Amino acid sequence: MVFWQRLLITLLVMVVTSLIMAAVWRSVFNMTIPSYVAGVIAGLAALPVWELLKKIKPKKEKNLKPENL
């Protein structure tokens, strides 16, 4: 997987995690979540996602050109 795809997926995970945690925090504590707490939670969620995406290798394309012509 190329760098920009990993970065895009990781950023999406961070945003979604932050939004979910904000909703949970608001329902539990009846106030908005502090921005530094949301950033820490989103960053911690992004770390395993980034590492997982680094392990995904692109598929090798089959060589359609004949070698010896």
PDB file of N, CA and C in Angstrom:
ATOM      1  N   MET A   1       0.860  -1.165   0.000  1.00  0.00           N
ATOM      2  CA  MET A   1       0.000   0.000   0.000  1.00  0.00           C
ATOM      3  C   MET A   1       0.908   1.230   0.000  1.00  0.00           C
ATOM      4  N   VAL A   2       0.587   2.162  -0.847  1.00  0.00           N
ATOM      5  CA  VAL A   2       1.425   3.350  -0.967  1.00  0.00           C
ATOM      6  C   VAL A   2       1.183   4.297   0.209  1.00  0.00           C
ATOM      7  N   PHE A   3       2.137   5.200   0.381  1.00  0.00           N
ATOM      8  CA  PHE A   3       2.137   6.075   1.550  1.00  0.00           C
ATOM      9  C   PHE A   3       0.864   6.916   1.653  1.00  0.00           C
ATOM     10  N   TRP A   4       0.430   7.519   0.558  1.00  0.00           N
ATOM     11  CA  TRP A   4      -0.727   8.421   0.637  1.00  0.00           C
ATOM     12  C   TRP A   4      -2.006   7.666   0.988  1.00  0.00           C
ATOM     13  N   GLN A   5      -2.128   6.408   0.572  1.00  0.00           N
ATOM     14  CA  GLN A   5      -3.304   5.619   0.940  1.00  0.00           C
ATOM     15  C   GLN A   5      -3.294   5.295   2.427  1.00  0.00           C
ATOM     16  N   ARG A   6      -2.112   4.913   2.937  1.00  0.00           N
ATOM     17  CA  ARG A   6      -2.001   4.653   4.379  1.00  0.00           C
ATOM     18  C   ARG A   6      -2.335   5.904   5.178  1.00  0.00           C
ATOM     19  N   LEU A   7      -1.807   7.038   4.725  1.00  0.00           N
ATOM     20  CA  LEU A   7      -2.040   8.294   5.430  1.00  0.00           C
ATOM     21  C   LEU A   7      -3.519   8.654   5.424  1.00  0.00           C
ATOM     22  N   LEU A   8      -4.180   8.513   4.293  1.00  0.00           N
ATOM     23  CA  LEU A   8      -5.597   8.843   4.182  1.00  0.00           C
ATOM     24  C   LEU A   8      -6.453   7.952   5.083  1.00  0.00           C
ATOM     25  N   ILE A   9      -6.197   6.654   5.059  1.00  0.00           N
ATOM     26  CA  ILE A   9      -6.957   5.727   5.904  1.00  0.00           C
ATOM     27  C   ILE A   9      -6.709   6.018   7.376  1.00  0.00           C
ATOM     28  N   THR A  10      -5.473   6.302   7.746  1.00  0.00           N
ATOM     29  CA  THR A  10      -5.142   6.604   9.142  1.00  0.00           C
ATOM     30  C   THR A  10      -5.832   7.884   9.607  1.00  0.00           C
ATOM     31  N   LEU A  11      -5.846   8.902   8.764  1.00  0.00           N
ATOM     32  CA  LEU A  11      -6.536  10.145   9.119  1.00  0.00           C
ATOM     33  C   LEU A  11      -8.038   9.926   9.266  1.00  0.00           C
ATOM     34  N   LEU A  12      -8.615   9.115   8.399  1.00  0.00           N
ATOM     35  CA  LEU A  12     -10.046   8.810   8.523  1.00  0.00           C
ATOM     36  C   LEU A  12     -10.337   8.078   9.825  1.00  0.00           C
ATOM     37  N   VAL A  13      -9.474   7.142  10.199  1.00  0.00           N
ATOM     38  CA  VAL A  13      -9.661   6.425  11.467  1.00  0.00           C
ATOM     39  C   VAL A  13      -9.574   7.398  12.637  1.00  0.00           C
ATOM     40  N   MET A  14      -8.633   8.338  12.570  1.00  0.00           N
ATOM     41  CA  MET A  14      -8.490   9.320  13.651  1.00  0.00           C
ATOM     42  C   MET A  14      -9.744  10.181  13.787  1.00  0.00           C
ATOM     43  N   VAL A  15     -10.281  10.640  12.668  1.00  0.00           N
ATOM     44  CA  VAL A  15     -11.469  11.504  12.709  1.00  0.00           C
ATOM     45  C   VAL A  15     -12.677  10.733  13.221  1.00  0.00           C
ATOM     46  N   VAL A  16     -12.877   9.525  12.715  1.00  0.00           N
ATOM     47  CA  VAL A  16     -14.029   8.722  13.139  1.00  0.00           C
ATOM     48  C   VAL A  16     -13.923   8.379  14.624  1.00  0.00           C
ATOM     49  N   THR A  17     -12.733   8.007  15.076  1.00  0.00           N
ATOM     50  CA  THR A  17     -12.531   7.703  16.491  1.00  0.00           C
ATOM     51  C   THR A  17     -12.812   8.916  17.361  1.00  0.00           C
ATOM     52  N   SER A  18     -12.353  10.064  16.927  1.00  0.00           N
ATOM     53  CA  SER A  18     -12.579  11.291  17.681  1.00  0.00           C
ATOM     54  C   SER A  18     -14.071  11.632  17.766  1.00  0.00           C
ATOM     55  N   LEU A  19     -14.787  11.456  16.664  1.00  0.00           N
ATOM     56  CA  LEU A  19     -16.223  11.741  16.664  1.00  0.00           C
ATOM     57  C   LEU A  19     -16.994  10.767  17.559  1.00  0.00           C
ATOM     58  N   ILE A  20     -16.630   9.502  17.499  1.00  0.00           N
ATOM     59  CA  ILE A  20     -17.305   8.505  18.349  1.00  0.00           C
ATOM     60  C   ILE A  20     -17.031   8.782  19.817  1.00  0.00           C
ATOM     61  N   MET A  21     -15.771   9.074  20.144  1.00  0.00           N
ATOM     62  CA  MET A  21     -15.436   9.361  21.544  1.00  0.00           C
ATOM     63  C   MET A  21     -16.108  10.642  22.034  1.00  0.00           C
ATOM     64  N   ALA A  22     -16.264  11.625  21.155  1.00  0.00           N
ATOM     65  CA  ALA A  22     -16.964  12.854  21.548  1.00  0.00           C
ATOM     66  C   ALA A  22     -18.420  12.562  21.871  1.00  0.00           C
ATOM     67  N   ALA A  23     -19.050  11.701  21.083  1.00  0.00           N
ATOM     68  CA  ALA A  23     -20.449  11.349  21.345  1.00  0.00           C
ATOM     69  C   ALA A  23     -20.581  10.566  22.650  1.00  0.00           C
ATOM     70  N   VAL A  24     -19.661   9.621  22.879  1.00  0.00           N
ATOM     71  CA  VAL A  24     -19.703   8.837  24.118  1.00  0.00           C
ATOM     72  C   VAL A  24     -19.442   9.740  25.317  1.00  0.00           C
ATOM     73  N   TRP A  25     -18.443  10.597  25.214  1.00  0.00           N
ATOM     74  CA  TRP A  25     -18.096  11.505  26.306  1.00  0.00           C
ATOM     75  C   TRP A  25     -19.277  12.422  26.643  1.00  0.00           C
ATOM     76  N   ARG A  26     -19.927  12.958  25.587  1.00  0.00           N
ATOM     77  CA  ARG A  26     -21.057  13.864  25.786  1.00  0.00           C
ATOM     78  C   ARG A  26     -22.225  13.144  26.470  1.00  0.00           C
ATOM     79  N   SER A  27     -22.466  11.880  26.093  1.00  0.00           N
ATOM     80  CA  SER A  27     -23.578  11.157  26.707  1.00  0.00           C
ATOM     81  C   SER A  27     -23.271  10.756  28.152  1.00  0.00           C
ATOM     82  N   VAL A  28     -22.004  10.496  28.465  1.00  0.00           N
ATOM     83  CA  VAL A  28     -21.645  10.071  29.818  1.00  0.00           C
ATOM     84  C   VAL A  28     -21.500  11.265  30.756  1.00  0.00           C
ATOM     85  N   PHE A  29     -20.773  12.296  30.333  1.00  0.00           N
ATOM     86  CA  PHE A  29     -20.455  13.414  31.212  1.00  0.00           C
ATOM     87  C   PHE A  29     -21.287  14.661  30.963  1.00  0.00           C
ATOM     88  N   ASN A  30     -22.115  14.670  29.921  1.00  0.00           N
ATOM     89  CA  ASN A  30     -22.994  15.791  29.593  1.00  0.00           C
ATOM     90  C   ASN A  30     -22.211  17.093  29.396  1.00  0.00           C
ATOM     91  N   MET A  31     -21.045  16.992  28.763  1.00  0.00           N
ATOM     92  CA  MET A  31     -20.245  18.158  28.382  1.00  0.00           C
ATOM     93  C   MET A  31     -19.330  17.748  27.236  1.00  0.00           C
ATOM     94  N   THR A  32     -18.705  18.725  26.589  1.00  0.00           N
ATOM     95  CA  THR A  32     -17.842  18.395  25.453  1.00  0.00           C
ATOM     96  C   THR A  32     -16.507  17.851  25.940  1.00  0.00           C
ATOM     97  N   ILE A  33     -15.911  17.015  25.113  1.00  0.00           N
ATOM     98  CA  ILE A  33     -14.632  16.404  25.446  1.00  0.00           C
ATOM     99  C   ILE A  33     -13.515  17.437  25.233  1.00  0.00           C
ATOM    100  N   PRO A  34     -12.560  17.527  26.144  1.00  0.00           N
ATOM    101  CA  PRO A  34     -11.429  18.429  25.920  1.00  0.00           C
ATOM    102  C   PRO A  34     -10.645  18.011  24.674  1.00  0.00           C
ATOM    103  N   SER A  35     -10.165  18.999  23.941  1.00  0.00           N
ATOM    104  CA  SER A  35      -9.520  18.705  22.661  1.00  0.00           C
ATOM    105  C   SER A  35      -8.265  17.866  22.818  1.00  0.00           C
ATOM    106  N   TYR A  36      -7.501  18.060  23.886  1.00  0.00           N
ATOM    107  CA  TYR A  36      -6.290  17.267  24.064  1.00  0.00           C
ATOM    108  C   TYR A  36      -6.617  15.810  24.337  1.00  0.00           C
ATOM    109  N   VAL A  37      -7.722  15.545  25.025  1.00  0.00           N
ATOM    110  CA  VAL A  37      -8.129  14.157  25.281  1.00  0.00           C
ATOM    111  C   VAL A  37      -8.559  13.497  23.975  1.00  0.00           C
ATOM    112  N   ALA A  38      -9.306  14.224  23.155  1.00  0.00           N
ATOM    113  CA  ALA A  38      -9.727  13.688  21.862  1.00  0.00           C
ATOM    114  C   ALA A  38      -8.515  13.415  20.975  1.00  0.00           C
ATOM    115  N   GLY A  39      -7.526  14.282  21.017  1.00  0.00           N
ATOM    116  CA  GLY A  39      -6.315  14.081  20.225  1.00  0.00           C
ATOM    117  C   GLY A  39      -5.522  12.881  20.677  1.00  0.00           C
ATOM    118  N   VAL A  40      -5.422  12.682  21.975  1.00  0.00           N
ATOM    119  CA  VAL A  40      -4.691  11.529  22.511  1.00  0.00           C
ATOM    120  C   VAL A  40      -5.390  10.232  22.117  1.00  0.00           C
ATOM    121  N   ILE A  41      -6.700  10.200  22.261  1.00  0.00           N
ATOM    122  CA  ILE A  41      -7.453   8.991  21.919  1.00  0.00           C
ATOM    123  C   ILE A  41      -7.345   8.694  20.428  1.00  0.00           C
ATOM    124  N   ALA A  42      -7.484   9.710  19.592  1.00  0.00           N
ATOM    125  CA  ALA A  42      -7.383   9.510  18.145  1.00  0.00           C
ATOM    126  C   ALA A  42      -5.971   9.076  17.754  1.00  0.00           C
ATOM    127  N   GLY A  43      -4.960   9.650  18.378  1.00  0.00           N
ATOM    128  CA  GLY A  43      -3.587   9.258  18.089  1.00  0.00           C
ATOM    129  C   GLY A  43      -3.297   7.825  18.491  1.00  0.00           C
ATOM    130  N   LEU A  44      -3.819   7.420  19.633  1.00  0.00           N
ATOM    131  CA  LEU A  44      -3.630   6.040  20.073  1.00  0.00           C
ATOM    132  C   LEU A  44      -4.363   5.057  19.171  1.00  0.00           C
ATOM    133  N   ALA A  45      -5.493   5.469  18.623  1.00  0.00           N
ATOM    134  CA  ALA A  45      -6.218   4.606  17.685  1.00  0.00           C
ATOM    135  C   ALA A  45      -5.479   4.511  16.353  1.00  0.00           C
ATOM    136  N   ALA A  46      -4.764   5.570  15.987  1.00  0.00           N
ATOM    137  CA  ALA A  46      -4.081   5.593  14.694  1.00  0.00           C
ATOM    138  C   ALA A  46      -2.829   4.721  14.674  1.00  0.00           C
ATOM    139  N   LEU A  47      -2.181   4.552  15.799  1.00  0.00           N
ATOM    140  CA  LEU A  47      -0.927   3.783  15.830  1.00  0.00           C
ATOM    141  C   LEU A  47      -1.081   2.338  15.346  1.00  0.00           C
ATOM    142  N   PRO A  48      -2.011   1.557  15.893  1.00  0.00           N
ATOM    143  CA  PRO A  48      -2.128   0.180  15.392  1.00  0.00           C
ATOM    144  C   PRO A  48      -2.625   0.112  13.953  1.00  0.00           C
ATOM    145  N   VAL A  49      -3.451   1.073  13.546  1.00  0.00           N
ATOM    146  CA  VAL A  49      -3.932   1.092  12.164  1.00  0.00           C
ATOM    147  C   VAL A  49      -2.773   1.334  11.212  1.00  0.00           C
ATOM    148  N   TRP A  50      -1.902   2.280  11.536  1.00  0.00           N
ATOM    149  CA  TRP A  50      -0.742   2.588  10.693  1.00  0.00           C
ATOM    150  C   TRP A  50       0.167   1.368  10.571  1.00  0.00           C
ATOM    151  N   GLU A  51       0.428   0.695  11.689  1.00  0.00           N
ATOM    152  CA  GLU A  51       1.287  -0.483  11.662  1.00  0.00           C
ATOM    153  C   GLU A  51       0.653  -1.617  10.854  1.00  0.00           C
ATOM    154  N   LEU A  52      -0.641  -1.792  10.992  1.00  0.00           N
ATOM    155  CA  LEU A  52      -1.333  -2.832  10.221  1.00  0.00           C
ATOM    156  C   LEU A  52      -1.264  -2.532   8.729  1.00  0.00           C
ATOM    157  N   LEU A  53      -1.463  -1.283   8.360  1.00  0.00           N
ATOM    158  CA  LEU A  53      -1.436  -0.917   6.949  1.00  0.00           C
ATOM    159  C   LEU A  53      -0.036  -1.016   6.355  1.00  0.00           C
ATOM    160  N   LYS A  54       0.997  -0.844   7.182  1.00  0.00           N
ATOM    161  CA  LYS A  54       2.365  -1.002   6.684  1.00  0.00           C
ATOM    162  C   LYS A  54       2.654  -2.445   6.305  1.00  0.00           C
ATOM    163  N   LYS A  55       1.987  -3.383   6.952  1.00  0.00           N
ATOM    164  CA  LYS A  55       2.221  -4.797   6.679  1.00  0.00           C
ATOM    165  C   LYS A  55       1.530  -5.266   5.409  1.00  0.00           C
ATOM    166  N   ILE A  56       0.551  -4.520   4.939  1.00  0.00           N
ATOM    167  CA  ILE A  56      -0.166  -4.904   3.724  1.00  0.00           C
ATOM    168  C   ILE A  56       0.703  -4.550   2.525  1.00  0.00           C
ATOM    169  N   LYS A  57       1.066  -5.547   1.763  1.00  0.00           N
ATOM    170  CA  LYS A  57       1.919  -5.355   0.590  1.00  0.00           C
ATOM    171  C   LYS A  57       1.045  -5.281  -0.658  1.00  0.00           C
ATOM    172  N   PRO A  58       1.466  -4.485  -1.641  1.00  0.00           N
ATOM    173  CA  PRO A  58       0.704  -4.462  -2.900  1.00  0.00           C
ATOM    174  C   PRO A  58       0.857  -5.790  -3.637  1.00  0.00           C
ATOM    175  N   LYS A  59      -0.201  -6.161  -4.347  1.00  0.00           N
ATOM    176  CA  LYS A  59      -0.148  -7.393  -5.114  1.00  0.00           C
ATOM    177  C   LYS A  59       0.796  -7.214  -6.294  1.00  0.00           C
ATOM    178  N   LYS A  60       1.541  -8.272  -6.576  1.00  0.00           N
ATOM    179  CA  LYS A  60       2.435  -8.216  -7.724  1.00  0.00           C
ATOM    180  C   LYS A  60       1.601  -8.351  -8.996  1.00  0.00           C
ATOM    181  N   GLU A  61       1.916  -7.506  -9.961  1.00  0.00           N
ATOM    182  CA  GLU A  61       1.224  -7.603 -11.237  1.00  0.00           C
ATOM    183  C   GLU A  61       1.881  -8.691 -12.067  1.00  0.00           C
ATOM    184  N   LYS A  62       1.052  -9.416 -12.771  1.00  0.00           N
ATOM    185  CA  LYS A  62       1.595 -10.455 -13.624  1.00  0.00           C
ATOM    186  C   LYS A  62       2.284  -9.806 -14.816  1.00  0.00           C
ATOM    187  N   ASN A  63       3.400 -10.343 -15.155  1.00  0.00           N
ATOM    188  CA  ASN A  63       4.161  -9.837 -16.285  1.00  0.00           C
ATOM    189  C   ASN A  63       3.514 -10.365 -17.570  1.00  0.00           C
ATOM    190  N   LEU A  64       2.861  -9.483 -18.289  1.00  0.00           N
ATOM    191  CA  LEU A  64       2.149  -9.901 -19.483  1.00  0.00           C
ATOM    192  C   LEU A  64       3.034  -9.852 -20.722  1.00  0.00           C
ATOM    193  N   LYS A  65       4.221  -9.303 -20.618  1.00  0.00           N
ATOM    194  CA  LYS A  65       5.114  -9.231 -21.758  1.00  0.00           C
ATOM    195  C   LYS A  65       5.948 -10.522 -21.833  1.00  0.00           C
ATOM    196  N   PRO A  66       6.017 -11.112 -23.003  1.00  0.00           N
ATOM    197  CA  PRO A  66       6.886 -12.282 -23.124  1.00  0.00           C
ATOM    198  C   PRO A  66       8.347 -11.864 -23.049  1.00  0.00           C
ATOM    199  N   GLU A  67       9.135 -12.632 -22.372  1.00  0.00           N
ATOM    200  CA  GLU A  67      10.539 -12.317 -22.158  1.00  0.00           C
ATOM    201  C   GLU A  67      11.380 -12.533 -23.415  1.00  0.00           C
ATOM    202  N   ASN A  68      11.193 -13.645 -24.052  1.00  0.00           N
ATOM    203  CA  ASN A  68      12.052 -14.015 -25.191  1.00  0.00           C
ATOM    204  C   ASN A  68      11.258 -13.985 -26.488  1.00  0.00           C
ATOM    205  N   LEU A  69      11.360 -12.901 -27.205  1.00  0.00           N
ATOM    206  CA  LEU A  69      10.712 -12.825 -28.522  1.00  0.00           C
ATOM    207  C   LEU A  69      11.726 -12.682 -29.610  1.00  0.00           C
TER     208      LEU A  69
END
